[in-house]
């Protein structure tokens, strides 16, 4: 599964997974002063239970690391992941 980075303008970014033009999964953020404010995670019903949300978050975390950004969790999935795993400690605010 490959995710595509998308710059949505106005400091809004995302990683998306699309099949035949249909968005099946995404994680989005707003970049503010070097902090990716993680505001939304979506996984379609057909992909749920396959670890896709974690893969999206891992992709976003790697993007943050590569660009020396931090991440702030607003989305409930990201909040839960940050609370339950220390693998994001280096990027979370």
PDB file of N, CA and C in Angstrom:
ATOM      1  N   UNK A   1       0.852  -1.168   0.000  1.00  0.00           N
ATOM      2  CA  UNK A   1       0.000   0.000   0.000  1.00  0.00           C
ATOM      3  C   UNK A   1       0.897   1.230   0.000  1.00  0.00           C
ATOM      4  N   UNK A   2       0.674   2.112  -0.975  1.00  0.00           N
ATOM      5  CA  UNK A   2       1.450   3.333  -1.086  1.00  0.00           C
ATOM      6  C   UNK A   2       0.580   4.545  -0.814  1.00  0.00           C
ATOM      7  N   UNK A   3       1.113   5.450  -0.007  1.00  0.00           N
ATOM      8  CA  UNK A   3       0.410   6.677   0.303  1.00  0.00           C
ATOM      9  C   UNK A   3       1.022   7.816  -0.494  1.00  0.00           C
ATOM     10  N   UNK A   4       0.187   8.766  -0.860  1.00  0.00           N
ATOM     11  CA  UNK A   4       0.618   9.924  -1.632  1.00  0.00           C
ATOM     12  C   UNK A   4       0.550  11.159  -0.748  1.00  0.00           C
ATOM     13  N   UNK A   5       1.650  11.927  -0.742  1.00  0.00           N
ATOM     14  CA  UNK A   5       1.647  13.200  -0.031  1.00  0.00           C
ATOM     15  C   UNK A   5       0.878  14.210  -0.868  1.00  0.00           C
ATOM     16  N   UNK A   6       0.067  15.010  -0.208  1.00  0.00           N
ATOM     17  CA  UNK A   6      -0.693  16.047  -0.901  1.00  0.00           C
ATOM     18  C   UNK A   6      -0.582  17.355  -0.148  1.00  0.00           C
ATOM     19  N   UNK A   7      -0.166  18.407  -0.858  1.00  0.00           N
ATOM     20  CA  UNK A   7      -0.139  19.753  -0.304  1.00  0.00           C
ATOM     21  C   UNK A   7      -1.460  20.401  -0.682  1.00  0.00           C
ATOM     22  N   UNK A   8      -2.301  20.641   0.303  1.00  0.00           N
ATOM     23  CA  UNK A   8      -3.626  21.203   0.058  1.00  0.00           C
ATOM     24  C   UNK A   8      -3.648  22.725   0.158  1.00  0.00           C
ATOM     25  N   UNK A   9      -2.486  23.362   0.218  1.00  0.00           N
ATOM     26  CA  UNK A   9      -2.404  24.812   0.300  1.00  0.00           C
ATOM     27  C   UNK A   9      -2.665  25.318   1.708  1.00  0.00           C
ATOM     28  N   UNK A  10      -2.314  26.557   1.953  1.00  0.00           N
ATOM     29  CA  UNK A  10      -2.520  27.198   3.252  1.00  0.00           C
ATOM     30  C   UNK A  10      -1.970  26.368   4.414  1.00  0.00           C
ATOM     31  N   UNK A  11      -0.811  25.727   4.196  1.00  0.00           N
ATOM     32  CA  UNK A  11      -0.144  24.902   5.208  1.00  0.00           C
ATOM     33  C   UNK A  11      -0.931  23.659   5.603  1.00  0.00           C
ATOM     34  N   UNK A  12      -1.849  23.217   4.755  1.00  0.00           N
ATOM     35  CA  UNK A  12      -2.599  21.986   4.987  1.00  0.00           C
ATOM     36  C   UNK A  12      -1.953  20.861   4.186  1.00  0.00           C
ATOM     37  N   UNK A  13      -1.638  19.772   4.875  1.00  0.00           N
ATOM     38  CA  UNK A  13      -1.014  18.631   4.214  1.00  0.00           C
ATOM     39  C   UNK A  13      -1.769  17.354   4.514  1.00  0.00           C
ATOM     40  N   UNK A  14      -1.452  16.314   3.743  1.00  0.00           N
ATOM     41  CA  UNK A  14      -2.120  15.026   3.932  1.00  0.00           C
ATOM     42  C   UNK A  14      -1.299  13.914   3.300  1.00  0.00           C
ATOM     43  N   UNK A  15      -1.521  12.720   3.810  1.00  0.00           N
ATOM     44  CA  UNK A  15      -1.139  11.503   3.101  1.00  0.00           C
ATOM     45  C   UNK A  15      -2.437  10.796   2.786  1.00  0.00           C
ATOM     46  N   UNK A  16      -2.561  10.342   1.543  1.00  0.00           N
ATOM     47  CA  UNK A  16      -3.803   9.735   1.077  1.00  0.00           C
ATOM     48  C   UNK A  16      -3.530   8.397   0.405  1.00  0.00           C
ATOM     49  N   UNK A  17      -4.539   7.564   0.437  1.00  0.00           N
ATOM     50  CA  UNK A  17      -4.521   6.307  -0.314  1.00  0.00           C
ATOM     51  C   UNK A  17      -5.764   6.311  -1.195  1.00  0.00           C
ATOM     52  N   UNK A  18      -5.543   6.259  -2.502  1.00  0.00           N
ATOM     53  CA  UNK A  18      -6.649   6.278  -3.460  1.00  0.00           C
ATOM     54  C   UNK A  18      -6.573   5.065  -4.374  1.00  0.00           C
ATOM     55  N   UNK A  19      -7.742   4.602  -4.764  1.00  0.00           N
ATOM     56  CA  UNK A  19      -7.853   3.542  -5.758  1.00  0.00           C
ATOM     57  C   UNK A  19      -8.865   4.007  -6.793  1.00  0.00           C
ATOM     58  N   UNK A  20      -8.449   4.053  -8.046  1.00  0.00           N
ATOM     59  CA  UNK A  20      -9.314   4.500  -9.142  1.00  0.00           C
ATOM     60  C   UNK A  20      -9.975   5.844  -8.845  1.00  0.00           C
ATOM     61  N   UNK A  21      -9.196   6.764  -8.281  1.00  0.00           N
ATOM     62  CA  UNK A  21      -9.694   8.101  -7.993  1.00  0.00           C
ATOM     63  C   UNK A  21     -10.547   8.222  -6.747  1.00  0.00           C
ATOM     64  N   UNK A  22     -10.772   7.129  -6.041  1.00  0.00           N
ATOM     65  CA  UNK A  22     -11.561   7.167  -4.810  1.00  0.00           C
ATOM     66  C   UNK A  22     -10.636   7.145  -3.600  1.00  0.00           C
ATOM     67  N   UNK A  23     -10.769   8.145  -2.733  1.00  0.00           N
ATOM     68  CA  UNK A  23      -9.951   8.219  -1.524  1.00  0.00           C
ATOM     69  C   UNK A  23     -10.485   7.214  -0.514  1.00  0.00           C
ATOM     70  N   UNK A  24      -9.630   6.248  -0.154  1.00  0.00           N
ATOM     71  CA  UNK A  24     -10.030   5.205   0.782  1.00  0.00           C
ATOM     72  C   UNK A  24      -9.456   5.416   2.176  1.00  0.00           C
ATOM     73  N   UNK A  25      -8.430   6.270   2.275  1.00  0.00           N
ATOM     74  CA  UNK A  25      -7.822   6.539   3.577  1.00  0.00           C
ATOM     75  C   UNK A  25      -7.021   7.827   3.490  1.00  0.00           C
ATOM     76  N   UNK A  26      -6.963   8.541   4.629  1.00  0.00           N
ATOM     77  CA  UNK A  26      -6.171   9.765   4.668  1.00  0.00           C
ATOM     78  C   UNK A  26      -5.877  10.162   6.106  1.00  0.00           C
ATOM     79  N   UNK A  27      -4.783  10.909   6.248  1.00  0.00           N
ATOM     80  CA  UNK A  27      -4.467  11.576   7.510  1.00  0.00           C
ATOM     81  C   UNK A  27      -4.101  13.001   7.122  1.00  0.00           C
ATOM     82  N   UNK A  28      -4.649  13.985   7.856  1.00  0.00           N
ATOM     83  CA  UNK A  28      -4.449  15.383   7.482  1.00  0.00           C
ATOM     84  C   UNK A  28      -3.919  16.192   8.654  1.00  0.00           C
ATOM     85  N   UNK A  29      -3.306  17.328   8.310  1.00  0.00           N
ATOM     86  CA  UNK A  29      -2.758  18.213   9.321  1.00  0.00           C
ATOM     87  C   UNK A  29      -2.665  19.640   8.790  1.00  0.00           C
ATOM     88  N   UNK A  30      -2.486  20.554   9.734  1.00  0.00           N
ATOM     89  CA  UNK A  30      -2.173  21.942   9.438  1.00  0.00           C
ATOM     90  C   UNK A  30      -0.798  22.206  10.044  1.00  0.00           C
ATOM     91  N   UNK A  31       0.102  22.739   9.255  1.00  0.00           N
ATOM     92  CA  UNK A  31       1.450  23.039   9.732  1.00  0.00           C
ATOM     93  C   UNK A  31       1.471  24.451  10.321  1.00  0.00           C
ATOM     94  N   UNK A  32       1.823  24.537  11.598  1.00  0.00           N
ATOM     95  CA  UNK A  32       1.893  25.826  12.297  1.00  0.00           C
ATOM     96  C   UNK A  32       3.212  25.913  13.053  1.00  0.00           C
ATOM     97  N   UNK A  33       4.057  26.829  12.634  1.00  0.00           N
ATOM     98  CA  UNK A  33       5.339  27.074  13.318  1.00  0.00           C
ATOM     99  C   UNK A  33       6.132  25.789  13.540  1.00  0.00           C
ATOM    100  N   UNK A  34       6.234  24.963  12.514  1.00  0.00           N
ATOM    101  CA  UNK A  34       7.012  23.737  12.607  1.00  0.00           C
ATOM    102  C   UNK A  34       6.324  22.592  13.312  1.00  0.00           C
ATOM    103  N   UNK A  35       5.023  22.744  13.589  1.00  0.00           N
ATOM    104  CA  UNK A  35       4.255  21.692  14.260  1.00  0.00           C
ATOM    105  C   UNK A  35       3.119  21.249  13.346  1.00  0.00           C
ATOM    106  N   UNK A  36       3.081  19.961  13.075  1.00  0.00           N
ATOM    107  CA  UNK A  36       1.990  19.380  12.299  1.00  0.00           C
ATOM    108  C   UNK A  36       0.833  19.106  13.262  1.00  0.00           C
ATOM    109  N   UNK A  37      -0.224  19.900  13.169  1.00  0.00           N
ATOM    110  CA  UNK A  37      -1.389  19.727  14.025  1.00  0.00           C
ATOM    111  C   UNK A  37      -2.282  18.690  13.343  1.00  0.00           C
ATOM    112  N   UNK A  38      -2.240  17.475  13.868  1.00  0.00           N
ATOM    113  CA  UNK A  38      -2.917  16.328  13.258  1.00  0.00           C
ATOM    114  C   UNK A  38      -4.407  16.401  13.572  1.00  0.00           C
ATOM    115  N   UNK A  39      -5.222  16.698  12.543  1.00  0.00           N
ATOM    116  CA  UNK A  39      -6.622  17.009  12.798  1.00  0.00           C
ATOM    117  C   UNK A  39      -7.634  15.994  12.277  1.00  0.00           C
ATOM    118  N   UNK A  40      -7.193  15.005  11.489  1.00  0.00           N
ATOM    119  CA  UNK A  40      -8.185  14.088  10.918  1.00  0.00           C
ATOM    120  C   UNK A  40      -7.508  12.813  10.413  1.00  0.00           C
ATOM    121  N   UNK A  41      -8.129  11.683  10.720  1.00  0.00           N
ATOM    122  CA  UNK A  41      -7.723  10.392  10.150  1.00  0.00           C
ATOM    123  C   UNK A  41      -8.986   9.698   9.672  1.00  0.00           C
ATOM    124  N   UNK A  42      -8.930   9.192   8.454  1.00  0.00           N
ATOM    125  CA  UNK A  42     -10.091   8.498   7.877  1.00  0.00           C
ATOM    126  C   UNK A  42      -9.619   7.208   7.219  1.00  0.00           C
ATOM    127  N   UNK A  43     -10.338   6.127   7.477  1.00  0.00           N
ATOM    128  CA  UNK A  43     -10.121   4.852   6.794  1.00  0.00           C
ATOM    129  C   UNK A  43     -11.491   4.323   6.398  1.00  0.00           C
ATOM    130  N   UNK A  44     -11.643   3.980   5.135  1.00  0.00           N
ATOM    131  CA  UNK A  44     -12.921   3.476   4.631  1.00  0.00           C
ATOM    132  C   UNK A  44     -13.280   2.152   5.294  1.00  0.00           C
ATOM    133  N   UNK A  45     -14.560   1.841   5.282  1.00  0.00           N
ATOM    134  CA  UNK A  45     -15.039   0.591   5.884  1.00  0.00           C
ATOM    135  C   UNK A  45     -14.333  -0.629   5.318  1.00  0.00           C
ATOM    136  N   UNK A  46     -14.062  -0.630   4.034  1.00  0.00           N
ATOM    137  CA  UNK A  46     -13.442  -1.804   3.420  1.00  0.00           C
ATOM    138  C   UNK A  46     -11.991  -2.033   3.839  1.00  0.00           C
ATOM    139  N   UNK A  47     -11.361  -0.991   4.403  1.00  0.00           N
ATOM    140  CA  UNK A  47      -9.968  -1.135   4.843  1.00  0.00           C
ATOM    141  C   UNK A  47      -9.807  -1.199   6.359  1.00  0.00           C
ATOM    142  N   UNK A  48     -10.884  -0.988   7.082  1.00  0.00           N
ATOM    143  CA  UNK A  48     -10.788  -0.991   8.551  1.00  0.00           C
ATOM    144  C   UNK A  48     -10.338  -2.345   9.065  1.00  0.00           C
ATOM    145  N   UNK A  49      -9.625  -2.303  10.187  1.00  0.00           N
ATOM    146  CA  UNK A  49      -9.145  -3.523  10.813  1.00  0.00           C
ATOM    147  C   UNK A  49      -7.878  -4.081  10.188  1.00  0.00           C
ATOM    148  N   UNK A  50      -7.277  -3.335   9.253  1.00  0.00           N
ATOM    149  CA  UNK A  50      -6.072  -3.802   8.564  1.00  0.00           C
ATOM    150  C   UNK A  50      -4.830  -2.996   8.933  1.00  0.00           C
ATOM    151  N   UNK A  51      -4.950  -2.143   9.956  1.00  0.00           N
ATOM    152  CA  UNK A  51      -3.802  -1.359  10.397  1.00  0.00           C
ATOM    153  C   UNK A  51      -3.476  -0.171   9.508  1.00  0.00           C
ATOM    154  N   UNK A  52      -4.417   0.246   8.680  1.00  0.00           N
ATOM    155  CA  UNK A  52      -4.161   1.332   7.735  1.00  0.00           C
ATOM    156  C   UNK A  52      -3.965   2.665   8.454  1.00  0.00           C
ATOM    157  N   UNK A  53      -4.748   2.947   9.482  1.00  0.00           N
ATOM    158  CA  UNK A  53      -4.601   4.204  10.215  1.00  0.00           C
ATOM    159  C   UNK A  53      -3.206   4.304  10.830  1.00  0.00           C
ATOM    160  N   UNK A  54      -2.698   3.218  11.382  1.00  0.00           N
ATOM    161  CA  UNK A  54      -1.342   3.225  11.952  1.00  0.00           C
ATOM    162  C   UNK A  54      -0.306   3.461  10.863  1.00  0.00           C
ATOM    163  N   UNK A  55      -0.493   2.841   9.699  1.00  0.00           N
ATOM    164  CA  UNK A  55       0.437   3.055   8.591  1.00  0.00           C
ATOM    165  C   UNK A  55       0.435   4.511   8.154  1.00  0.00           C
ATOM    166  N   UNK A  56      -0.740   5.131   8.119  1.00  0.00           N
ATOM    167  CA  UNK A  56      -0.827   6.549   7.780  1.00  0.00           C
ATOM    168  C   UNK A  56      -0.103   7.399   8.820  1.00  0.00           C
ATOM    169  N   UNK A  57      -0.339   7.120  10.087  1.00  0.00           N
ATOM    170  CA  UNK A  57       0.320   7.871  11.149  1.00  0.00           C
ATOM    171  C   UNK A  57       1.830   7.671  11.088  1.00  0.00           C
ATOM    172  N   UNK A  58       2.281   6.462  10.839  1.00  0.00           N
ATOM    173  CA  UNK A  58       3.719   6.204  10.716  1.00  0.00           C
ATOM    174  C   UNK A  58       4.309   6.998   9.553  1.00  0.00           C
ATOM    175  N   UNK A  59       3.591   7.056   8.442  1.00  0.00           N
ATOM    176  CA  UNK A  59       4.050   7.830   7.280  1.00  0.00           C
ATOM    177  C   UNK A  59       4.163   9.310   7.639  1.00  0.00           C
ATOM    178  N   UNK A  60       3.157   9.839   8.338  1.00  0.00           N
ATOM    179  CA  UNK A  60       3.184  11.240   8.753  1.00  0.00           C
ATOM    180  C   UNK A  60       4.323  11.491   9.747  1.00  0.00           C
ATOM    181  N   UNK A  61       4.543  10.566  10.667  1.00  0.00           N
ATOM    182  CA  UNK A  61       5.625  10.710  11.643  1.00  0.00           C
ATOM    183  C   UNK A  61       6.985  10.702  10.938  1.00  0.00           C
ATOM    184  N   UNK A  62       7.155   9.847   9.955  1.00  0.00           N
ATOM    185  CA  UNK A  62       8.406   9.828   9.194  1.00  0.00           C
ATOM    186  C   UNK A  62       8.597  11.140   8.434  1.00  0.00           C
ATOM    187  N   UNK A  63       7.518  11.673   7.887  1.00  0.00           N
ATOM    188  CA  UNK A  63       7.564  12.967   7.202  1.00  0.00           C
ATOM    189  C   UNK A  63       7.991  14.052   8.193  1.00  0.00           C
ATOM    190  N   UNK A  64       7.437  14.026   9.397  1.00  0.00           N
ATOM    191  CA  UNK A  64       7.813  14.990  10.426  1.00  0.00           C
ATOM    192  C   UNK A  64       9.302  14.871  10.760  1.00  0.00           C
ATOM    193  N   UNK A  65       9.779  13.660  10.921  1.00  0.00           N
ATOM    194  CA  UNK A  65      11.196  13.440  11.237  1.00  0.00           C
ATOM    195  C   UNK A  65      12.099  13.973  10.122  1.00  0.00           C
ATOM    196  N   UNK A  66      11.753  13.663   8.882  1.00  0.00           N
ATOM    197  CA  UNK A  66      12.562  14.087   7.737  1.00  0.00           C
ATOM    198  C   UNK A  66      12.620  15.603   7.598  1.00  0.00           C
ATOM    199  N   UNK A  67      11.590  16.286   8.069  1.00  0.00           N
ATOM    200  CA  UNK A  67      11.501  17.733   7.909  1.00  0.00           C
ATOM    201  C   UNK A  67      11.706  18.503   9.211  1.00  0.00           C
ATOM    202  N   UNK A  68      12.133  17.787  10.258  1.00  0.00           N
ATOM    203  CA  UNK A  68      12.377  18.391  11.572  1.00  0.00           C
ATOM    204  C   UNK A  68      11.147  19.105  12.119  1.00  0.00           C
ATOM    205  N   UNK A  69       9.980  18.492  11.916  1.00  0.00           N
ATOM    206  CA  UNK A  69       8.729  19.008  12.469  1.00  0.00           C
ATOM    207  C   UNK A  69       8.371  18.218  13.718  1.00  0.00           C
ATOM    208  N   UNK A  70       7.503  18.778  14.518  1.00  0.00           N
ATOM    209  CA  UNK A  70       6.881  18.089  15.640  1.00  0.00           C
ATOM    210  C   UNK A  70       5.430  17.827  15.267  1.00  0.00           C
ATOM    211  N   UNK A  71       4.744  17.030  16.069  1.00  0.00           N
ATOM    212  CA  UNK A  71       3.346  16.704  15.806  1.00  0.00           C
ATOM    213  C   UNK A  71       2.517  16.936  17.066  1.00  0.00           C
ATOM    214  N   UNK A  72       1.361  17.562  16.863  1.00  0.00           N
ATOM    215  CA  UNK A  72       0.405  17.767  17.946  1.00  0.00           C
ATOM    216  C   UNK A  72      -0.862  17.007  17.592  1.00  0.00           C
ATOM    217  N   UNK A  73      -1.358  16.207  18.528  1.00  0.00           N
ATOM    218  CA  UNK A  73      -2.523  15.362  18.269  1.00  0.00           C
ATOM    219  C   UNK A  73      -3.823  16.088  18.613  1.00  0.00           C
ATOM    220  N   UNK A  74      -4.698  16.246  17.638  1.00  0.00           N
ATOM    221  CA  UNK A  74      -6.069  16.709  17.872  1.00  0.00           C
ATOM    222  C   UNK A  74      -7.055  15.604  17.532  1.00  0.00           C
ATOM    223  N   UNK A  75      -6.792  14.904  16.454  1.00  0.00           N
ATOM    224  CA  UNK A  75      -7.624  13.787  16.011  1.00  0.00           C
ATOM    225  C   UNK A  75      -7.612  12.680  17.074  1.00  0.00           C
ATOM    226  N   UNK A  76      -8.769  12.109  17.355  1.00  0.00           N
ATOM    227  CA  UNK A  76      -8.871  11.107  18.424  1.00  0.00           C
ATOM    228  C   UNK A  76      -7.972   9.893  18.176  1.00  0.00           C
ATOM    229  N   UNK A  77      -7.814   9.479  16.928  1.00  0.00           N
ATOM    230  CA  UNK A  77      -6.939   8.334  16.646  1.00  0.00           C
ATOM    231  C   UNK A  77      -5.492   8.666  17.013  1.00  0.00           C
ATOM    232  N   UNK A  78      -5.035   9.843  16.621  1.00  0.00           N
ATOM    233  CA  UNK A  78      -3.650  10.231  16.906  1.00  0.00           C
ATOM    234  C   UNK A  78      -3.445  10.432  18.407  1.00  0.00           C
ATOM    235  N   UNK A  79      -4.412  11.026  19.085  1.00  0.00           N
ATOM    236  CA  UNK A  79      -4.325  11.180  20.543  1.00  0.00           C
ATOM    237  C   UNK A  79      -4.141   9.815  21.194  1.00  0.00           C
ATOM    238  N   UNK A  80      -4.968   8.857  20.828  1.00  0.00           N
ATOM    239  CA  UNK A  80      -4.894   7.512  21.386  1.00  0.00           C
ATOM    240  C   UNK A  80      -3.556   6.850  21.072  1.00  0.00           C
ATOM    241  N   UNK A  81      -3.103   6.988  19.849  1.00  0.00           N
ATOM    242  CA  UNK A  81      -1.822   6.381  19.455  1.00  0.00           C
ATOM    243  C   UNK A  81      -0.663   6.985  20.226  1.00  0.00           C
ATOM    244  N   UNK A  82      -0.680   8.309  20.399  1.00  0.00           N
ATOM    245  CA  UNK A  82       0.383   8.965  21.152  1.00  0.00           C
ATOM    246  C   UNK A  82       0.364   8.520  22.612  1.00  0.00           C
ATOM    247  N   UNK A  83      -0.833   8.337  23.163  1.00  0.00           N
ATOM    248  CA  UNK A  83      -0.957   7.916  24.562  1.00  0.00           C
ATOM    249  C   UNK A  83      -0.520   6.470  24.787  1.00  0.00           C
ATOM    250  N   UNK A  84      -0.691   5.624  23.771  1.00  0.00           N
ATOM    251  CA  UNK A  84      -0.467   4.189  23.936  1.00  0.00           C
ATOM    252  C   UNK A  84       0.829   3.656  23.353  1.00  0.00           C
ATOM    253  N   UNK A  85       1.646   4.529  22.780  1.00  0.00           N
ATOM    254  CA  UNK A  85       2.902   4.072  22.181  1.00  0.00           C
ATOM    255  C   UNK A  85       3.991   5.107  22.403  1.00  0.00           C
ATOM    256  N   UNK A  86       5.191   4.633  22.701  1.00  0.00           N
ATOM    257  CA  UNK A  86       6.306   5.554  22.856  1.00  0.00           C
ATOM    258  C   UNK A  86       7.071   5.729  21.544  1.00  0.00           C
ATOM    259  N   UNK A  87       6.620   5.107  20.473  1.00  0.00           N
ATOM    260  CA  UNK A  87       7.354   5.191  19.196  1.00  0.00           C
ATOM    261  C   UNK A  87       7.231   6.562  18.539  1.00  0.00           C
ATOM    262  N   UNK A  88       6.362   7.424  19.067  1.00  0.00           N
ATOM    263  CA  UNK A  88       6.198   8.771  18.504  1.00  0.00           C
ATOM    264  C   UNK A  88       6.745   9.851  19.444  1.00  0.00           C
ATOM    265  N   UNK A  89       7.374   9.442  20.541  1.00  0.00           N
ATOM    266  CA  UNK A  89       7.833  10.398  21.545  1.00  0.00           C
ATOM    267  C   UNK A  89       8.782  11.448  20.970  1.00  0.00           C
ATOM    268  N   UNK A  90       9.562  11.073  19.955  1.00  0.00           N
ATOM    269  CA  UNK A  90      10.521  12.013  19.387  1.00  0.00           C
ATOM    270  C   UNK A  90       9.879  13.108  18.552  1.00  0.00           C
ATOM    271  N   UNK A  91       8.638  12.918  18.122  1.00  0.00           N
ATOM    272  CA  UNK A  91       7.975  13.923  17.284  1.00  0.00           C
ATOM    273  C   UNK A  91       6.795  14.606  17.961  1.00  0.00           C
ATOM    274  N   UNK A  92       6.273  14.037  19.023  1.00  0.00           N
ATOM    275  CA  UNK A  92       5.076  14.647  19.605  1.00  0.00           C
ATOM    276  C   UNK A  92       5.425  15.830  20.492  1.00  0.00           C
ATOM    277  N   UNK A  93       4.508  16.789  20.507  1.00  0.00           N
ATOM    278  CA  UNK A  93       4.665  17.992  21.320  1.00  0.00           C
ATOM    279  C   UNK A  93       4.160  17.710  22.700  1.00  0.00           C
TER     280      UNK A  93
END
